[in-house]
Amino acid sequence: MKDQQQAYEQLIAVIDKSIPVGFEKCEEHGGTHYVVPLRDYPKGYHVTPGTPLPFLSVIPQKHHIGVYHMGIYANPELLQWFTTRYKEEVTTKLQMGKSCIRLTNATHIPYELLGELVEKMTPDAWIKVYEQH
């Protein structure tokens, strides 16, 4: 559990360093979230009007750290890039759902790759992808 907490903190530090300007960090519901603030996208999230547009969440779970990246859910090219690079760089099998990357082994987290993934989509690019879906 201690290893997972340290890994979570290190991952947040990497994301904080890598995330493009314009996303806003907030911590709630036991995790760290990065959103497009309402001042930049007044329409907000269609499911819950009046709330910022979610982009990325990192949530420590009992047996893994969940990285929920909405960009890989909505952009097939970005998903393909990530899955290809993961297979090239990481020895453990990629465990993921549609938008959730499950990091189950704290010693095999590809911090640099996740930093690159986060860098690839600006708030404006995310809004454009979001509005197409």
Foldseek 3Di string as FASTA:
>chain_A
DVLQVVLLVVLVVLLVVQADPQWDWDDDPQWIWTFRACVRVVQADPVDGPHTHTAWIWHDDPQWIKIFGVCQLQPVVLVVVLQVVCVVPFPDDFDDDSGITTGRDSVGDPSVSVSVSNNPAHPVNVVVSVVVD
